[in-house]
Amino acid sequence: MRAWWREISGLVTPAVCGGCGTPRTRLCEVCGQALLGQAARRARPLPEPAGLPVVHAVAAYTDPVRAVILAHKERGALGLAGPLGAALAESVRAAVGYANGPGGPVMLVPVPSAPGAVRARGHDAARRIALAAAAELRCSGRAARVLPVLRQRRRMADQAGLTARERLANVAGALEVRAGGARLLAGGRAVIVDDLMTTGATLVEAARALSATTGADPRATVPARAAVVAVPPLSFEINRN
């Protein structure tokens, strides 16, 4: 019921920009430029954890991008899934173009949200953005689909306030591939996707879980790459000098 009400309310309530609150627009030109105005780039957190796949991102996680992501994820601004998906699609294009390997469709594997968080928010933010990104890729002529093959096998503590080392320990062994997931991943390029990377701990665990399963299937492509919408500014290599 909550998710249904959010969908309907988005049609009848006045829209405001998810980034700055400007009325009568879901995303103003300035905030849209912050989200989509740059080419996707390689991103590495400091420190970079072992096992992190090659990550590309299109935006720096500063205002107003932070506000747009939180408005979509926490406040149910579902209309922002479109521009966030377009941003993620740019990161996916860069991730796939960077890596060498077999062709085939791009398969977006979203990082799973905790079931409790999905119930509280009324939607799965990462999966919704991934679906919008896949649609954007298909519109540009690239075969793409979303494969939500990852799931949480145990509860994890809230990552907020944890150090990079504590986050790695918190997520270690927490994800697994659903039954039949390796078969679904066969024959294409798998890209792990999420809205945000901070320390990279969750992407490390997602890559481990996928590799543990797909490595046993010679038809499957082990994902060595990931794409996100945003990262902290210093995660972009160009900003470290």
C-alpha atoms as a PDB file:
ATOM      1  CA  MET A   1       0.000   0.000   0.000  1.00  0.00           C
ATOM      2  CA  ARG A   2       2.797   2.426   0.868  1.00  0.00           C
ATOM      3  CA  ALA A   3       4.572   1.927  -2.471  1.00  0.00           C
ATOM      4  CA  TRP A   4       1.234   2.312  -4.325  1.00  0.00           C
ATOM      5  CA  TRP A   5       0.500   5.571  -2.491  1.00  0.00           C
ATOM      6  CA  ARG A   6       3.926   6.970  -3.322  1.00  0.00           C
ATOM      7  CA  GLU A   7       3.403   6.247  -7.013  1.00  0.00           C
ATOM      8  CA  ILE A   8       0.003   8.008  -7.011  1.00  0.00           C
ATOM      9  CA  SER A   9       1.079  10.925  -4.832  1.00  0.00           C
ATOM     10  CA  GLY A  10       3.891  11.690  -7.255  1.00  0.00           C
ATOM     11  CA  LEU A  11       1.237  12.413  -9.863  1.00  0.00           C
ATOM     12  CA  VAL A  12      -0.943  14.736  -7.784  1.00  0.00           C
ATOM     13  CA  THR A  13       1.492  16.685  -5.565  1.00  0.00           C
ATOM     14  CA  PRO A  14       3.503  19.645  -6.898  1.00  0.00           C
ATOM     15  CA  ALA A  15       6.989  18.576  -7.983  1.00  0.00           C
ATOM     16  CA  VAL A  16      10.077  20.163  -6.492  1.00  0.00           C
ATOM     17  CA  CYS A  17      13.690  19.613  -7.469  1.00  0.00           C
ATOM     18  CA  GLY A  18      15.138  16.705  -5.516  1.00  0.00           C
ATOM     19  CA  GLY A  19      18.467  18.494  -5.268  1.00  0.00           C
ATOM     20  CA  CYS A  20      17.634  22.047  -4.225  1.00  0.00           C
ATOM     21  CA  GLY A  21      13.865  22.280  -3.776  1.00  0.00           C
ATOM     22  CA  THR A  22      13.166  24.534  -6.738  1.00  0.00           C
ATOM     23  CA  PRO A  23       9.404  24.268  -7.373  1.00  0.00           C
ATOM     24  CA  ARG A  24       7.659  22.840 -10.438  1.00  0.00           C
ATOM     25  CA  THR A  25      10.507  20.578 -11.539  1.00  0.00           C
ATOM     26  CA  ARG A  26      11.740  17.209 -10.326  1.00  0.00           C
ATOM     27  CA  LEU A  27      15.338  18.089 -11.248  1.00  0.00           C
ATOM     28  CA  CYS A  28      16.428  21.612 -12.116  1.00  0.00           C
ATOM     29  CA  GLU A  29      19.077  22.398 -14.712  1.00  0.00           C
ATOM     30  CA  VAL A  30      21.793  23.121 -12.135  1.00  0.00           C
ATOM     31  CA  CYS A  31      21.230  19.914 -10.172  1.00  0.00           C
ATOM     32  CA  GLY A  32      20.893  17.943 -13.387  1.00  0.00           C
ATOM     33  CA  GLN A  33      24.272  19.277 -14.478  1.00  0.00           C
ATOM     34  CA  ALA A  34      25.808  18.153 -11.174  1.00  0.00           C
ATOM     35  CA  LEU A  35      24.390  14.671 -11.698  1.00  0.00           C
ATOM     36  CA  LEU A  36      24.914  14.220 -15.430  1.00  0.00           C
ATOM     37  CA  GLY A  37      27.289  16.950 -16.495  1.00  0.00           C
ATOM     38  CA  GLN A  38      30.515  14.937 -16.368  1.00  0.00           C
ATOM     39  CA  ALA A  39      31.790  11.851 -18.127  1.00  0.00           C
ATOM     40  CA  ALA A  40      32.005   8.700 -16.028  1.00  0.00           C
ATOM     41  CA  ARG A  41      35.444   8.123 -14.534  1.00  0.00           C
ATOM     42  CA  ARG A  42      37.407   5.433 -12.720  1.00  0.00           C
ATOM     43  CA  ALA A  43      36.930   5.668  -8.965  1.00  0.00           C
ATOM     44  CA  ARG A  44      39.024   4.244  -6.120  1.00  0.00           C
ATOM     45  CA  PRO A  45      38.315   4.810  -2.424  1.00  0.00           C
ATOM     46  CA  LEU A  46      41.120   5.659  -0.019  1.00  0.00           C
ATOM     47  CA  PRO A  47      42.174   3.204   1.260  1.00  0.00           C
ATOM     48  CA  GLU A  48      41.280   0.846  -1.578  1.00  0.00           C
ATOM     49  CA  PRO A  49      40.161  -2.541  -0.215  1.00  0.00           C
ATOM     50  CA  ALA A  50      41.518  -5.780  -1.615  1.00  0.00           C
ATOM     51  CA  GLY A  51      39.101  -7.465  -3.976  1.00  0.00           C
ATOM     52  CA  LEU A  52      37.450  -4.264  -5.163  1.00  0.00           C
ATOM     53  CA  PRO A  53      36.314  -4.564  -8.798  1.00  0.00           C
ATOM     54  CA  VAL A  54      37.078  -1.806 -11.271  1.00  0.00           C
ATOM     55  CA  VAL A  55      34.544   0.915 -10.406  1.00  0.00           C
ATOM     56  CA  HIS A  56      33.262   3.770 -12.544  1.00  0.00           C
ATOM     57  CA  ALA A  57      31.097   6.656 -11.366  1.00  0.00           C
ATOM     58  CA  VAL A  58      29.656   9.723 -13.023  1.00  0.00           C
ATOM     59  CA  ALA A  59      29.109  12.175 -10.148  1.00  0.00           C
ATOM     60  CA  ALA A  60      30.737  13.378  -6.950  1.00  0.00           C
ATOM     61  CA  TYR A  61      28.718  12.691  -3.813  1.00  0.00           C
ATOM     62  CA  THR A  62      28.287  16.294  -2.752  1.00  0.00           C
ATOM     63  CA  ASP A  63      25.223  18.545  -2.641  1.00  0.00           C
ATOM     64  CA  PRO A  64      23.024  18.481  -4.655  1.00  0.00           C
ATOM     65  CA  VAL A  65      23.788  14.912  -5.820  1.00  0.00           C
ATOM     66  CA  ARG A  66      23.603  13.708  -2.219  1.00  0.00           C
ATOM     67  CA  ALA A  67      20.184  15.320  -1.878  1.00  0.00           C
ATOM     68  CA  VAL A  68      18.918  13.710  -5.098  1.00  0.00           C
ATOM     69  CA  ILE A  69      20.043  10.224  -4.052  1.00  0.00           C
ATOM     70  CA  LEU A  70      18.555  10.579  -0.572  1.00  0.00           C
ATOM     71  CA  ALA A  71      15.299  12.028  -1.915  1.00  0.00           C
ATOM     72  CA  HIS A  72      14.870   8.991  -4.132  1.00  0.00           C
ATOM     73  CA  LYS A  73      16.022   6.411  -1.581  1.00  0.00           C
ATOM     74  CA  GLU A  74      14.634   7.723   1.698  1.00  0.00           C
ATOM     75  CA  ARG A  75      11.821  10.113   0.813  1.00  0.00           C
ATOM     76  CA  GLY A  76      10.159   8.222  -2.008  1.00  0.00           C
ATOM     77  CA  ALA A  77      10.803  10.731  -4.816  1.00  0.00           C
ATOM     78  CA  LEU A  78      10.336   7.956  -7.361  1.00  0.00           C
ATOM     79  CA  GLY A  79      10.391  10.314 -10.330  1.00  0.00           C
ATOM     80  CA  LEU A  80      14.124  10.756  -9.732  1.00  0.00           C
ATOM     81  CA  ALA A  81      14.776   7.146 -10.752  1.00  0.00           C
ATOM     82  CA  GLY A  82      14.876   8.287 -14.391  1.00  0.00           C
ATOM     83  CA  PRO A  83      17.763  10.775 -14.123  1.00  0.00           C
ATOM     84  CA  LEU A  84      19.582   8.578 -11.593  1.00  0.00           C
ATOM     85  CA  GLY A  85      19.213   5.657 -14.005  1.00  0.00           C
ATOM     86  CA  ALA A  86      20.568   7.768 -16.849  1.00  0.00           C
ATOM     87  CA  ALA A  87      23.585   8.633 -14.693  1.00  0.00           C
ATOM     88  CA  LEU A  88      24.122   4.990 -13.793  1.00  0.00           C
ATOM     89  CA  ALA A  89      23.876   4.027 -17.468  1.00  0.00           C
ATOM     90  CA  GLU A  90      26.793   6.362 -18.214  1.00  0.00           C
ATOM     91  CA  SER A  91      28.857   4.636 -15.530  1.00  0.00           C
ATOM     92  CA  VAL A  92      27.925   1.218 -16.921  1.00  0.00           C
ATOM     93  CA  ARG A  93      28.997   2.246 -20.440  1.00  0.00           C
ATOM     94  CA  ALA A  94      32.368   3.321 -19.063  1.00  0.00           C
ATOM     95  CA  ALA A  95      32.728   0.139 -17.014  1.00  0.00           C
ATOM     96  CA  VAL A  96      31.984  -2.122 -19.969  1.00  0.00           C
ATOM     97  CA  GLY A  97      34.152  -0.113 -22.335  1.00  0.00           C
ATOM     98  CA  TYR A  98      37.076  -0.229 -19.906  1.00  0.00           C
ATOM     99  CA  ALA A  99      37.111  -4.005 -19.522  1.00  0.00           C
ATOM    100  CA  ASN A 100      38.220  -6.538 -22.064  1.00  0.00           C
ATOM    101  CA  GLY A 101      36.248  -9.747 -22.364  1.00  0.00           C
ATOM    102  CA  PRO A 102      33.442 -11.478 -24.228  1.00  0.00           C
ATOM    103  CA  GLY A 103      30.604  -9.531 -25.740  1.00  0.00           C
ATOM    104  CA  GLY A 104      26.938 -10.222 -25.229  1.00  0.00           C
ATOM    105  CA  PRO A 105      24.307  -8.323 -23.284  1.00  0.00           C
ATOM    106  CA  VAL A 106      25.163  -6.172 -20.291  1.00  0.00           C
ATOM    107  CA  MET A 107      23.701  -7.694 -17.142  1.00  0.00           C
ATOM    108  CA  LEU A 108      23.238  -5.261 -14.277  1.00  0.00           C
ATOM    109  CA  VAL A 109      23.465  -6.939 -10.879  1.00  0.00           C
ATOM    110  CA  PRO A 110      22.157  -4.575  -8.188  1.00  0.00           C
ATOM    111  CA  VAL A 111      23.577  -4.675  -4.685  1.00  0.00           C
ATOM    112  CA  PRO A 112      20.663  -5.974  -2.587  1.00  0.00           C
ATOM    113  CA  SER A 113      19.081  -3.785   0.052  1.00  0.00           C
ATOM    114  CA  ALA A 114      18.158  -5.224   3.433  1.00  0.00           C
ATOM    115  CA  PRO A 115      14.580  -6.560   3.392  1.00  0.00           C
ATOM    116  CA  GLY A 116      13.711  -4.373   6.373  1.00  0.00           C
ATOM    117  CA  ALA A 117      14.966  -1.257   4.597  1.00  0.00           C
ATOM    118  CA  VAL A 118      12.912  -2.110   1.505  1.00  0.00           C
ATOM    119  CA  ARG A 119       9.793  -2.511   3.631  1.00  0.00           C
ATOM    120  CA  ALA A 120      10.426   0.749   5.485  1.00  0.00           C
ATOM    121  CA  ARG A 121      11.069   2.739   2.302  1.00  0.00           C
ATOM    122  CA  GLY A 122       8.321   1.079   0.289  1.00  0.00           C
ATOM    123  CA  HIS A 123      10.653   0.354  -2.639  1.00  0.00           C
ATOM    124  CA  ASP A 124      14.043  -1.093  -3.539  1.00  0.00           C
ATOM    125  CA  ALA A 125      16.020   1.982  -4.573  1.00  0.00           C
ATOM    126  CA  ALA A 126      19.037   0.214  -6.105  1.00  0.00           C
ATOM    127  CA  ARG A 127      16.889  -2.124  -8.167  1.00  0.00           C
ATOM    128  CA  ARG A 128      14.653   0.713  -9.370  1.00  0.00           C
ATOM    129  CA  ILE A 129      17.658   2.733 -10.547  1.00  0.00           C
ATOM    130  CA  ALA A 130      19.145  -0.365 -12.197  1.00  0.00           C
ATOM    131  CA  LEU A 131      15.918  -0.924 -14.145  1.00  0.00           C
ATOM    132  CA  ALA A 132      15.966   2.697 -15.323  1.00  0.00           C
ATOM    133  CA  ALA A 133      19.629   2.342 -16.351  1.00  0.00           C
ATOM    134  CA  ALA A 134      18.909  -0.843 -18.324  1.00  0.00           C
ATOM    135  CA  ALA A 135      16.069   0.919 -20.144  1.00  0.00           C
ATOM    136  CA  GLU A 136      18.401   3.820 -20.961  1.00  0.00           C
ATOM    137  CA  LEU A 137      21.030   1.429 -22.317  1.00  0.00           C
ATOM    138  CA  ARG A 138      18.471  -0.367 -24.484  1.00  0.00           C
ATOM    139  CA  CYS A 139      17.265   2.959 -25.903  1.00  0.00           C
ATOM    140  CA  SER A 140      20.833   3.645 -27.031  1.00  0.00           C
ATOM    141  CA  GLY A 141      21.038   0.254 -28.773  1.00  0.00           C
ATOM    142  CA  ARG A 142      22.843  -1.723 -26.063  1.00  0.00           C
ATOM    143  CA  ALA A 143      21.271  -5.016 -24.975  1.00  0.00           C
ATOM    144  CA  ALA A 144      20.874  -4.830 -21.204  1.00  0.00           C
ATOM    145  CA  ARG A 145      18.864  -6.459 -18.457  1.00  0.00           C
ATOM    146  CA  VAL A 146      18.708  -6.406 -14.677  1.00  0.00           C
ATOM    147  CA  LEU A 147      19.519  -9.619 -12.826  1.00  0.00           C
ATOM    148  CA  PRO A 148      18.801  -9.313  -9.078  1.00  0.00           C
ATOM    149  CA  VAL A 149      20.637 -12.549  -8.312  1.00  0.00           C
ATOM    150  CA  LEU A 150      22.270 -11.385  -5.076  1.00  0.00           C
ATOM    151  CA  ARG A 151      20.588 -11.605  -1.704  1.00  0.00           C
ATOM    152  CA  GLN A 152      21.545 -11.082   1.914  1.00  0.00           C
ATOM    153  CA  ARG A 153      22.135 -14.358   3.747  1.00  0.00           C
ATOM    154  CA  ARG A 154      22.413 -12.712   7.163  1.00  0.00           C
ATOM    155  CA  ARG A 155      21.696  -9.417   8.843  1.00  0.00           C
ATOM    156  CA  MET A 156      24.309  -6.680   8.688  1.00  0.00           C
ATOM    157  CA  ALA A 157      24.778  -3.786  11.075  1.00  0.00           C
ATOM    158  CA  ASP A 158      24.063  -0.267   9.879  1.00  0.00           C
ATOM    159  CA  GLN A 159      27.198   0.863   8.043  1.00  0.00           C
ATOM    160  CA  ALA A 160      26.855   4.504   9.140  1.00  0.00           C
ATOM    161  CA  GLY A 161      29.605   5.452  11.543  1.00  0.00           C
ATOM    162  CA  LEU A 162      31.765   2.387  10.851  1.00  0.00           C
ATOM    163  CA  THR A 163      35.364   2.692   9.721  1.00  0.00           C
ATOM    164  CA  ALA A 164      36.494   1.193   6.410  1.00  0.00           C
ATOM    165  CA  ARG A 165      37.936  -1.842   8.215  1.00  0.00           C
ATOM    166  CA  GLU A 166      34.770  -2.285  10.279  1.00  0.00           C
ATOM    167  CA  ARG A 167      32.623  -2.110   7.159  1.00  0.00           C
ATOM    168  CA  LEU A 168      34.637  -4.866   5.500  1.00  0.00           C
ATOM    169  CA  ALA A 169      34.169  -7.064   8.568  1.00  0.00           C
ATOM    170  CA  ASN A 170      30.477  -6.197   8.744  1.00  0.00           C
ATOM    171  CA  VAL A 171      29.700  -7.307   5.188  1.00  0.00           C
ATOM    172  CA  ALA A 172      32.126 -10.249   4.911  1.00  0.00           C
ATOM    173  CA  GLY A 173      30.161 -13.333   3.898  1.00  0.00           C
ATOM    174  CA  ALA A 174      26.836 -11.488   4.072  1.00  0.00           C
ATOM    175  CA  LEU A 175      25.798 -11.939   0.419  1.00  0.00           C
ATOM    176  CA  GLU A 176      25.102 -14.978  -1.686  1.00  0.00           C
ATOM    177  CA  VAL A 177      23.820 -15.765  -5.163  1.00  0.00           C
ATOM    178  CA  ARG A 178      20.294 -17.096  -5.465  1.00  0.00           C
ATOM    179  CA  ALA A 179      19.815 -20.611  -6.789  1.00  0.00           C
ATOM    180  CA  GLY A 180      20.257 -20.626 -10.570  1.00  0.00           C
ATOM    181  CA  GLY A 181      22.028 -17.266 -10.566  1.00  0.00           C
ATOM    182  CA  ALA A 182      25.165 -18.551 -12.295  1.00  0.00           C
ATOM    183  CA  ARG A 183      23.087 -19.890 -15.168  1.00  0.00           C
ATOM    184  CA  LEU A 184      21.368 -16.520 -15.618  1.00  0.00           C
ATOM    185  CA  LEU A 185      24.726 -14.745 -15.718  1.00  0.00           C
ATOM    186  CA  ALA A 186      26.120 -16.944 -18.488  1.00  0.00           C
ATOM    187  CA  GLY A 187      26.814 -15.378 -21.870  1.00  0.00           C
ATOM    188  CA  GLY A 188      27.083 -11.697 -21.069  1.00  0.00           C
ATOM    189  CA  ARG A 189      28.991  -9.007 -19.201  1.00  0.00           C
ATOM    190  CA  ALA A 190      28.011  -8.707 -15.554  1.00  0.00           C
ATOM    191  CA  VAL A 191      28.335  -5.295 -13.909  1.00  0.00           C
ATOM    192  CA  ILE A 192      27.626  -4.822 -10.198  1.00  0.00           C
ATOM    193  CA  VAL A 193      25.581  -1.633  -9.760  1.00  0.00           C
ATOM    194  CA  ASP A 194      24.590   0.593  -6.855  1.00  0.00           C
ATOM    195  CA  ASP A 195      23.709   4.228  -6.279  1.00  0.00           C
ATOM    196  CA  LEU A 196      26.760   5.033  -4.129  1.00  0.00           C
ATOM    197  CA  MET A 197      30.218   3.800  -3.216  1.00  0.00           C
ATOM    198  CA  THR A 198      31.930   5.110  -0.081  1.00  0.00           C
ATOM    199  CA  THR A 199      34.571   2.680   1.240  1.00  0.00           C
ATOM    200  CA  GLY A 200      33.902  -0.010  -1.376  1.00  0.00           C
ATOM    201  CA  ALA A 201      33.250  -2.734   1.224  1.00  0.00           C
ATOM    202  CA  THR A 202      29.835  -3.714  -0.147  1.00  0.00           C
ATOM    203  CA  LEU A 203      31.131  -3.939  -3.720  1.00  0.00           C
ATOM    204  CA  VAL A 204      33.980  -6.173  -2.521  1.00  0.00           C
ATOM    205  CA  GLU A 205      31.478  -8.533  -0.902  1.00  0.00           C
ATOM    206  CA  ALA A 206      29.174  -8.480  -3.943  1.00  0.00           C
ATOM    207  CA  ALA A 207      32.099  -9.362  -6.221  1.00  0.00           C
ATOM    208  CA  ARG A 208      33.186 -12.154  -3.870  1.00  0.00           C
ATOM    209  CA  ALA A 209      29.707 -13.672  -3.762  1.00  0.00           C
ATOM    210  CA  LEU A 210      29.314 -13.570  -7.534  1.00  0.00           C
ATOM    211  CA  SER A 211      32.783 -14.924  -8.211  1.00  0.00           C
ATOM    212  CA  ALA A 212      32.267 -17.790  -5.772  1.00  0.00           C
ATOM    213  CA  THR A 213      29.307 -18.952  -7.849  1.00  0.00           C
ATOM    214  CA  THR A 214      30.110 -17.953 -11.421  1.00  0.00           C
ATOM    215  CA  GLY A 215      33.678 -19.205 -11.140  1.00  0.00           C
ATOM    216  CA  ALA A 216      32.321 -22.743 -11.119  1.00  0.00           C
ATOM    217  CA  ASP A 217      30.397 -22.217 -14.369  1.00  0.00           C
ATOM    218  CA  PRO A 218      32.685 -21.873 -17.431  1.00  0.00           C
ATOM    219  CA  ARG A 219      29.921 -20.091 -19.349  1.00  0.00           C
ATOM    220  CA  ALA A 220      29.555 -17.314 -16.799  1.00  0.00           C
ATOM    221  CA  THR A 221      31.511 -14.074 -16.787  1.00  0.00           C
ATOM    222  CA  VAL A 222      33.108 -13.328 -13.425  1.00  0.00           C
ATOM    223  CA  PRO A 223      32.314  -9.655 -12.735  1.00  0.00           C
ATOM    224  CA  ALA A 224      35.525  -7.643 -12.440  1.00  0.00           C
ATOM    225  CA  ARG A 225      33.755  -4.294 -12.754  1.00  0.00           C
ATOM    226  CA  ALA A 226      31.146  -2.198 -11.060  1.00  0.00           C
ATOM    227  CA  ALA A 227      29.257   1.020 -11.764  1.00  0.00           C
ATOM    228  CA  VAL A 228      27.692   3.491  -9.371  1.00  0.00           C
ATOM    229  CA  VAL A 229      26.083   6.897  -9.659  1.00  0.00           C
ATOM    230  CA  ALA A 230      28.292   8.746  -7.187  1.00  0.00           C
ATOM    231  CA  VAL A 231      31.415   8.519  -5.035  1.00  0.00           C
ATOM    232  CA  PRO A 232      33.120  10.909  -2.589  1.00  0.00           C
ATOM    233  CA  PRO A 233      35.117  13.513  -4.544  1.00  0.00           C
ATOM    234  CA  LEU A 234      38.520  12.166  -3.479  1.00  0.00           C
ATOM    235  CA  SER A 235      37.641   8.744  -4.890  1.00  0.00           C
ATOM    236  CA  PHE A 236      38.139  10.179  -8.366  1.00  0.00           C
ATOM    237  CA  GLU A 237      41.795   9.805  -9.213  1.00  0.00           C
ATOM    238  CA  ILE A 238      41.907  13.196 -10.921  1.00  0.00           C
ATOM    239  CA  ASN A 239      41.074  14.917  -7.603  1.00  0.00           C
ATOM    240  CA  ARG A 240      43.930  13.403  -5.596  1.00  0.00           C
ATOM    241  CA  ASN A 241      46.700  15.731  -6.764  1.00  0.00           C
END
